[in-house]
């Protein structure tokens, strides 16, 4: 299949994946209608499912990634550079599960009961390390 290249993807020198293009078009259409695409547009949902299926069948080493941490492991975030991410650097959390479709670990970071709220987020394996390690 020939990949369609969107203008912004072409400027960045990369081809656009058809599923991503369908999802972007669905979001634009939903934005025009004032409705969230994930709730009303089946193209967005189908594109997401298709991507998940492709990740599962591609043999991308998800078993090796999954084996890095297991549910219940104490971890800490590191190497995050965004404003929101920097707040997780050095913060202790607990692995809840591995999300195969996103190839991320779902991690719960407890709050301190005062200024820092409880937070649950998906983290790249490269931004996690075992706590105390």
Protein backbone atom coordinates (compact mmCIF):
# COMPACT_ATOMS: atom_id res chain seq x y z
CA UNK A 1 0.00 0.00 0.00
CA UNK A 2 1.18 3.49 -0.79
CA UNK A 3 1.48 5.77 2.22
CA UNK A 4 -0.22 9.12 1.91
CA UNK A 5 1.96 12.01 2.97
CA UNK A 6 0.33 14.95 4.71
CA UNK A 7 1.89 18.41 4.26
CA UNK A 8 3.15 18.60 7.85
CA UNK A 9 4.57 15.05 7.65
CA UNK A 10 6.24 15.86 4.33
CA UNK A 11 7.89 18.92 5.85
CA UNK A 12 9.27 16.71 8.61
CA UNK A 13 10.51 14.25 5.97
CA UNK A 14 8.41 11.30 7.12
CA UNK A 15 5.52 9.43 5.51
CA UNK A 16 2.18 9.51 7.22
CA UNK A 17 0.64 6.21 8.31
CA UNK A 18 -2.87 5.79 6.84
CA UNK A 19 -4.38 4.99 10.27
CA UNK A 20 -2.86 8.15 11.72
CA UNK A 21 -4.21 10.20 8.81
CA UNK A 22 -7.70 8.71 9.35
CA UNK A 23 -7.52 9.55 13.04
CA UNK A 24 -6.38 13.13 12.32
CA UNK A 25 -9.17 13.60 9.80
CA UNK A 26 -11.71 12.22 12.30
CA UNK A 27 -10.48 14.64 14.96
CA UNK A 28 -10.70 17.57 12.55
CA UNK A 29 -14.23 16.55 11.56
CA UNK A 30 -15.26 16.18 15.21
CA UNK A 31 -13.70 19.53 16.05
CA UNK A 32 -15.82 21.17 13.34
CA UNK A 33 -18.92 19.51 14.79
CA UNK A 34 -17.95 20.40 18.38
CA UNK A 35 -18.02 16.74 19.48
CA UNK A 36 -15.10 14.70 20.82
CA UNK A 37 -13.89 12.32 18.10
CA UNK A 38 -13.23 9.40 20.44
CA UNK A 39 -16.88 9.28 21.44
CA UNK A 40 -18.59 9.77 18.09
CA UNK A 41 -16.27 8.94 15.25
CA UNK A 42 -15.76 5.27 14.46
CA UNK A 43 -12.81 6.04 12.15
CA UNK A 44 -10.83 7.22 15.16
CA UNK A 45 -11.71 4.11 17.15
CA UNK A 46 -10.96 1.80 14.21
CA UNK A 47 -7.62 3.51 13.56
CA UNK A 48 -6.68 2.98 17.21
CA UNK A 49 -7.70 -0.70 17.10
CA UNK A 50 -5.79 -1.22 13.87
CA UNK A 51 -2.65 0.28 15.38
CA UNK A 52 -3.01 -1.92 18.47
CA UNK A 53 -3.41 -5.04 16.32
CA UNK A 54 -0.35 -4.06 14.28
CA UNK A 55 1.74 -3.62 17.44
CA UNK A 56 0.61 -7.00 18.77
CA UNK A 57 1.37 -8.85 15.53
CA UNK A 58 4.60 -7.05 14.64
CA UNK A 59 6.70 -8.90 17.17
CA UNK A 60 8.16 -5.63 18.40
CA UNK A 61 9.77 -7.22 21.43
CA UNK A 62 6.88 -6.41 23.75
CA UNK A 63 7.64 -9.58 25.76
CA UNK A 64 11.16 -8.31 26.43
CA UNK A 65 9.82 -4.88 27.35
CA UNK A 66 7.08 -6.37 29.55
CA UNK A 67 9.68 -8.41 31.45
CA UNK A 68 11.51 -5.27 32.60
CA UNK A 69 8.94 -4.55 35.31
CA UNK A 70 6.03 -6.46 36.78
CA UNK A 71 2.85 -5.34 38.52
CA UNK A 72 3.68 -4.24 42.05
CA UNK A 73 7.28 -3.24 41.34
CA UNK A 74 8.40 -0.03 43.00
CA UNK A 75 9.82 2.33 40.38
CA UNK A 76 10.83 5.94 40.00
CA UNK A 77 10.60 8.24 37.05
CA UNK A 78 13.72 9.77 35.52
CA UNK A 79 14.95 11.50 32.39
CA UNK A 80 11.66 13.29 31.72
CA UNK A 81 12.12 16.72 30.19
CA UNK A 82 8.66 18.22 29.72
CA UNK A 83 7.28 20.55 32.38
CA UNK A 84 4.77 17.93 33.56
CA UNK A 85 7.30 15.12 33.23
CA UNK A 86 9.99 16.82 35.30
CA UNK A 87 7.63 16.64 38.28
CA UNK A 88 7.86 12.82 38.06
CA UNK A 89 11.68 12.68 38.00
CA UNK A 90 12.78 11.01 41.23
CA UNK A 91 9.19 10.41 42.31
CA UNK A 92 8.42 6.88 43.56
CA UNK A 93 5.53 4.95 42.06
CA UNK A 94 4.12 1.45 41.62
CA UNK A 95 3.72 -0.44 38.33
CA UNK A 96 0.09 -1.43 37.81
CA UNK A 97 0.30 -3.21 34.44
CA UNK A 98 1.85 -3.20 30.99
CA UNK A 99 -0.21 -1.62 28.18
CA UNK A 100 0.78 -3.63 25.12
CA UNK A 101 -0.93 -1.36 22.59
CA UNK A 102 0.86 1.74 23.83
CA UNK A 103 4.03 -0.16 24.82
CA UNK A 104 4.04 1.69 28.12
CA UNK A 105 3.78 0.75 31.77
CA UNK A 106 0.85 2.10 33.73
CA UNK A 107 2.27 3.55 36.93
CA UNK A 108 0.57 5.02 39.99
CA UNK A 109 2.42 7.82 41.74
CA UNK A 110 0.94 8.49 45.19
CA UNK A 111 0.40 12.04 46.37
CA UNK A 112 1.66 13.50 49.59
CA UNK A 113 -1.82 14.37 50.87
CA UNK A 114 -1.11 18.09 50.63
CA UNK A 115 0.38 19.67 47.52
CA UNK A 116 1.06 16.66 45.28
CA UNK A 117 -1.95 14.75 43.96
CA UNK A 118 -2.16 11.01 43.28
CA UNK A 119 -1.38 10.41 39.64
CA UNK A 120 -1.75 7.44 37.33
CA UNK A 121 0.01 7.63 33.96
CA UNK A 122 1.56 5.61 31.15
CA UNK A 123 5.35 5.66 31.18
CA UNK A 124 7.96 4.59 28.64
CA UNK A 125 10.22 1.87 30.00
CA UNK A 126 13.23 4.10 29.32
CA UNK A 127 11.89 6.64 31.82
CA UNK A 128 11.50 4.14 34.67
CA UNK A 129 13.98 2.42 36.94
CA UNK A 130 13.49 0.16 39.92
CA UNK A 131 13.22 2.21 43.10
CA UNK A 132 16.35 2.08 45.19
CA UNK A 133 18.35 0.76 42.23
